[in-house]
């Protein structure tokens, strides 16, 4: 590969990395917009979150195409090949996290359009801030190629799963004790489940990152194994 071609190739890889980070920033903003809208009832802001989902979908299509073009034209090997395969899989998780943000916005709209009638009192804000933090850390670990930071996100997902179970129990209790709260409880259940799924997508991306950086597939293994591989030399 001559020097000019090499520089072009490096620029193409850098474009994929930076566009993925840009997509991640947009998804993070979507999640925060949906959660803020749930809290303050800003229906216009919630509508913007729903509309912006199309932009995230375009990111997915464009990045998939860019990665495919590099694979076909450059035929990368070793680390570059691993990076491209990882990014292709991470793009899917990122787009799905965006879908969950859209679901939250739609449910929040229903809740506020109904005037928050018969709302059960349930704490979702801690769970929401946890998954936003997981996504942010995943993007940061990708930018810095930090496998240990990625492993921390995988561990954090356990806490989010436990919070989801707690919210589920609370909402079931509300529905049993007061049937008038069933509709709002189900909407909040969808929101809590969407948050839990965002946590799962952040975890999936971080498992892929450990593979990208260390060359070891840690999916479907326990957290301890992920941490061990992440800190190996």
Protein backbone atom coordinates (compact mmCIF):
# COMPACT_ATOMS: atom_id res chain seq x y z
CA UNK A 1 0.00 0.00 0.00
CA UNK A 2 1.60 3.32 -1.02
CA UNK A 3 1.69 6.25 1.36
CA UNK A 4 -1.18 8.13 -0.31
CA UNK A 5 -3.46 5.05 -0.23
CA UNK A 6 -2.41 4.37 3.37
CA UNK A 7 -3.43 7.90 4.42
CA UNK A 8 -6.78 7.53 2.65
CA UNK A 9 -7.38 4.21 4.40
CA UNK A 10 -6.54 5.72 7.81
CA UNK A 11 -8.93 8.61 7.07
CA UNK A 12 -11.72 6.17 6.19
CA UNK A 13 -11.23 4.22 9.45
CA UNK A 14 -11.15 7.48 11.43
CA UNK A 15 -14.37 8.62 9.73
CA UNK A 16 -16.12 5.40 10.81
CA UNK A 17 -14.90 5.86 14.40
CA UNK A 18 -15.93 9.51 14.61
CA UNK A 19 -19.33 8.95 12.95
CA UNK A 20 -20.06 6.13 15.40
CA UNK A 21 -19.24 8.44 18.32
CA UNK A 22 -21.48 11.11 16.75
CA UNK A 23 -24.31 8.56 16.48
CA UNK A 24 -23.75 7.61 20.12
CA UNK A 25 -23.93 11.26 21.20
CA UNK A 26 -27.26 11.62 19.39
CA UNK A 27 -28.67 8.47 21.04
CA UNK A 28 -27.53 9.72 24.46
CA UNK A 29 -29.29 13.06 23.83
CA UNK A 30 -32.43 11.16 22.76
CA UNK A 31 -32.53 9.15 25.99
CA UNK A 32 -32.03 12.26 28.12
CA UNK A 33 -34.67 14.15 26.10
CA UNK A 34 -37.20 11.34 26.61
CA UNK A 35 -36.53 11.13 30.35
CA UNK A 36 -36.65 14.93 30.79
CA UNK A 37 -39.94 14.97 28.87
CA UNK A 38 -41.35 12.31 31.17
CA UNK A 39 -40.37 14.45 34.17
CA UNK A 40 -41.54 17.87 32.92
CA UNK A 41 -44.32 16.99 30.46
CA UNK A 42 -42.85 18.98 27.57
CA UNK A 43 -44.87 17.40 24.74
CA UNK A 44 -43.02 19.31 22.00
CA UNK A 45 -39.66 18.04 23.28
CA UNK A 46 -41.05 14.48 23.38
CA UNK A 47 -42.31 14.85 19.79
CA UNK A 48 -38.79 15.96 18.74
CA UNK A 49 -37.32 12.80 20.30
CA UNK A 50 -39.79 10.66 18.32
CA UNK A 51 -39.04 12.49 15.04
CA UNK A 52 -35.25 12.31 15.52
CA UNK A 53 -35.34 8.51 15.51
CA UNK A 54 -35.23 8.64 11.70
CA UNK A 55 -31.84 10.39 11.92
CA UNK A 56 -30.44 7.57 14.05
CA UNK A 57 -31.73 5.04 11.50
CA UNK A 58 -29.90 6.96 8.74
CA UNK A 59 -26.69 6.82 10.79
CA UNK A 60 -27.06 3.04 11.02
CA UNK A 61 -27.54 2.62 7.25
CA UNK A 62 -24.72 5.03 6.32
CA UNK A 63 -22.22 3.53 8.77
CA UNK A 64 -23.04 -0.03 7.71
CA UNK A 65 -22.43 1.01 4.11
CA UNK A 66 -19.14 2.76 4.97
CA UNK A 67 -17.86 -0.31 6.85
CA UNK A 68 -18.88 -2.63 4.00
CA UNK A 69 -17.09 -0.44 1.45
CA UNK A 70 -13.87 -0.50 3.49
CA UNK A 71 -14.08 -4.29 3.88
CA UNK A 72 -14.54 -4.78 0.13
CA UNK A 73 -12.06 -2.21 -1.15
CA UNK A 74 -9.29 -2.37 1.47
CA UNK A 75 -9.53 -5.99 2.63
CA UNK A 76 -8.26 -5.11 6.12
CA UNK A 77 -6.54 -7.66 8.36
CA UNK A 78 -5.93 -8.25 12.10
CA UNK A 79 -6.85 -5.29 14.34
CA UNK A 80 -8.50 -3.19 11.62
CA UNK A 81 -10.68 -6.10 10.56
CA UNK A 82 -11.69 -6.73 14.18
CA UNK A 83 -12.48 -3.04 14.62
CA UNK A 84 -14.77 -2.96 11.57
CA UNK A 85 -16.63 -6.15 12.51
CA UNK A 86 -17.06 -4.80 16.06
CA UNK A 87 -18.36 -1.44 14.88
CA UNK A 88 -20.88 -3.12 12.52
CA UNK A 89 -22.30 -5.03 15.52
CA UNK A 90 -22.15 -2.01 17.85
CA UNK A 91 -24.07 0.12 15.33
CA UNK A 92 -27.01 -2.31 15.66
CA UNK A 93 -26.99 -2.04 19.46
CA UNK A 94 -26.74 1.74 19.27
CA UNK A 95 -29.70 1.98 16.86
CA UNK A 96 -31.76 -0.25 19.15
CA UNK A 97 -30.92 1.94 22.14
CA UNK A 98 -32.29 4.83 20.06
CA UNK A 99 -35.48 2.83 19.44
CA UNK A 100 -35.89 2.41 23.21
CA UNK A 101 -35.53 6.19 23.70
CA UNK A 102 -38.33 6.66 21.15
CA UNK A 103 -40.51 4.16 23.09
CA UNK A 104 -39.92 6.11 26.33
CA UNK A 105 -40.93 9.36 24.59
CA UNK A 106 -44.13 7.78 23.21
CA UNK A 107 -45.11 6.41 26.64
CA UNK A 108 -44.29 9.73 28.33
CA UNK A 109 -46.59 11.49 25.82
CA UNK A 110 -49.46 9.12 26.67
CA UNK A 111 -48.94 9.71 30.41
CA UNK A 112 -48.94 13.51 30.09
CA UNK A 113 -51.78 13.64 27.57
CA UNK A 114 -53.85 11.75 30.16
CA UNK A 115 -52.98 14.42 32.73
CA UNK A 116 -50.89 12.00 34.86
CA UNK A 117 -54.15 10.61 36.30
CA UNK A 118 -53.79 7.68 38.77
CA UNK A 119 -49.99 7.79 38.64
CA UNK A 120 -48.22 5.25 40.85
CA UNK A 121 -45.27 6.65 42.75
CA UNK A 122 -42.22 4.83 41.40
CA UNK A 123 -38.57 5.87 41.25
CA UNK A 124 -37.16 5.68 37.68
CA UNK A 125 -34.68 8.54 37.68
CA UNK A 126 -31.80 6.63 39.25
CA UNK A 127 -32.19 3.82 36.73
CA UNK A 128 -32.35 6.38 33.90
CA UNK A 129 -29.17 8.16 35.01
CA UNK A 130 -27.42 4.77 35.38
CA UNK A 131 -28.13 3.71 31.80
CA UNK A 132 -27.16 7.13 30.38
CA UNK A 133 -23.91 6.85 32.36
CA UNK A 134 -23.35 3.32 30.97
CA UNK A 135 -23.83 4.52 27.40
CA UNK A 136 -21.51 7.49 27.96
CA UNK A 137 -18.84 5.23 29.48
CA UNK A 138 -19.19 2.80 26.54
CA UNK A 139 -18.56 5.64 24.07
CA UNK A 140 -15.63 6.88 26.14
CA UNK A 141 -14.13 3.36 26.32
CA UNK A 142 -14.49 3.10 22.52
CA UNK A 143 -12.82 6.49 21.98
CA UNK A 144 -9.92 5.61 24.31
CA UNK A 145 -9.75 1.87 23.49
CA UNK A 146 -10.04 1.18 27.23
CA UNK A 147 -11.02 -2.46 27.85
CA UNK A 148 -11.10 -2.07 31.65
CA UNK A 149 -13.55 0.85 31.43
CA UNK A 150 -15.69 -1.33 29.13
CA UNK A 151 -15.65 -4.14 31.72
CA UNK A 152 -16.92 -1.71 34.39
CA UNK A 153 -20.02 -1.07 32.25
CA UNK A 154 -20.67 -4.84 32.02
CA UNK A 155 -20.61 -4.99 35.83
CA UNK A 156 -22.85 -1.91 36.14
CA UNK A 157 -25.52 -3.70 34.10
CA UNK A 158 -26.10 -6.11 37.02
CA UNK A 159 -27.24 -3.17 39.19
CA UNK A 160 -29.59 -1.90 36.48
CA UNK A 161 -31.11 -5.39 36.15
CA UNK A 162 -31.70 -5.45 39.93
CA UNK A 163 -33.37 -2.00 39.76
CA UNK A 164 -35.64 -3.22 36.95
CA UNK A 165 -36.76 -6.17 39.10
CA UNK A 166 -37.49 -3.79 41.98
CA UNK A 167 -39.59 -1.47 39.78
CA UNK A 168 -41.45 -4.47 38.35
CA UNK A 169 -42.38 -5.69 41.85
CA UNK A 170 -43.51 -2.19 42.89
CA UNK A 171 -45.72 -1.70 39.84
CA UNK A 172 -47.32 -5.15 40.16
CA UNK A 173 -48.19 -4.28 43.76
CA UNK A 174 -49.80 -0.98 42.66
CA UNK A 175 -51.86 -2.78 40.00
CA UNK A 176 -53.12 -5.39 42.50
CA UNK A 177 -53.95 -2.84 45.20
CA UNK A 178 -55.59 -0.19 42.97
CA UNK A 179 -56.99 -1.25 39.57
CA UNK A 180 -57.37 2.44 38.59
CA UNK A 181 -53.57 2.60 38.40
CA UNK A 182 -53.23 -0.31 35.95
CA UNK A 183 -52.99 1.79 32.75
CA UNK A 184 -50.34 4.20 34.13
CA UNK A 185 -48.49 1.29 35.73
CA UNK A 186 -48.26 -0.55 32.41
CA UNK A 187 -46.94 2.61 30.70
CA UNK A 188 -44.30 3.02 33.42
CA UNK A 189 -43.49 -0.67 33.09
CA UNK A 190 -42.77 -0.15 29.38
CA UNK A 191 -40.52 2.81 30.25
CA UNK A 192 -38.61 0.86 32.90
CA UNK A 193 -38.19 -2.08 30.51
CA UNK A 194 -36.90 0.29 27.80
CA UNK A 195 -34.32 1.65 30.27
CA UNK A 196 -33.25 -1.90 31.19
CA UNK A 197 -32.84 -2.70 27.46
CA UNK A 198 -30.69 0.41 26.94
CA UNK A 199 -28.46 -0.92 29.73
CA UNK A 200 -28.30 -4.28 27.92
CA UNK A 201 -27.27 -2.58 24.66
CA UNK A 202 -24.52 -0.62 26.45
CA UNK A 203 -23.32 -3.88 28.03
CA UNK A 204 -23.35 -5.67 24.65
CA UNK A 205 -21.27 -2.89 23.11
CA UNK A 206 -18.75 -3.10 25.93
CA UNK A 207 -18.40 -6.88 25.57
CA UNK A 208 -17.71 -6.28 21.86
CA UNK A 209 -15.16 -3.61 22.81
CA UNK A 210 -13.24 -6.07 24.98
CA UNK A 211 -13.12 -8.37 21.95
CA UNK A 212 -12.00 -5.53 19.68
CA UNK A 213 -9.20 -4.43 22.02
CA UNK A 214 -8.09 -7.80 23.43
CA UNK A 215 -9.10 -10.23 20.66
CA UNK A 216 -11.04 -12.42 23.11
CA UNK A 217 -14.78 -13.04 22.70
CA UNK A 218 -16.32 -12.54 26.16
CA UNK A 219 -20.00 -12.64 25.18
CA UNK A 220 -22.12 -15.15 27.10
CA UNK A 221 -19.52 -15.40 29.87
CA UNK A 222 -19.73 -14.04 33.43
CA UNK A 223 -18.65 -10.57 34.58
CA UNK A 224 -15.56 -11.92 36.32
CA UNK A 225 -14.30 -13.41 33.05
CA UNK A 226 -14.94 -10.13 31.21
CA UNK A 227 -12.92 -8.24 33.86
CA UNK A 228 -10.12 -10.82 33.72
CA UNK A 229 -9.80 -10.59 29.93
CA UNK A 230 -10.05 -6.79 29.99
CA UNK A 231 -7.12 -6.48 32.39
CA UNK A 232 -4.92 -9.13 30.73
CA UNK A 233 -1.74 -8.02 28.96
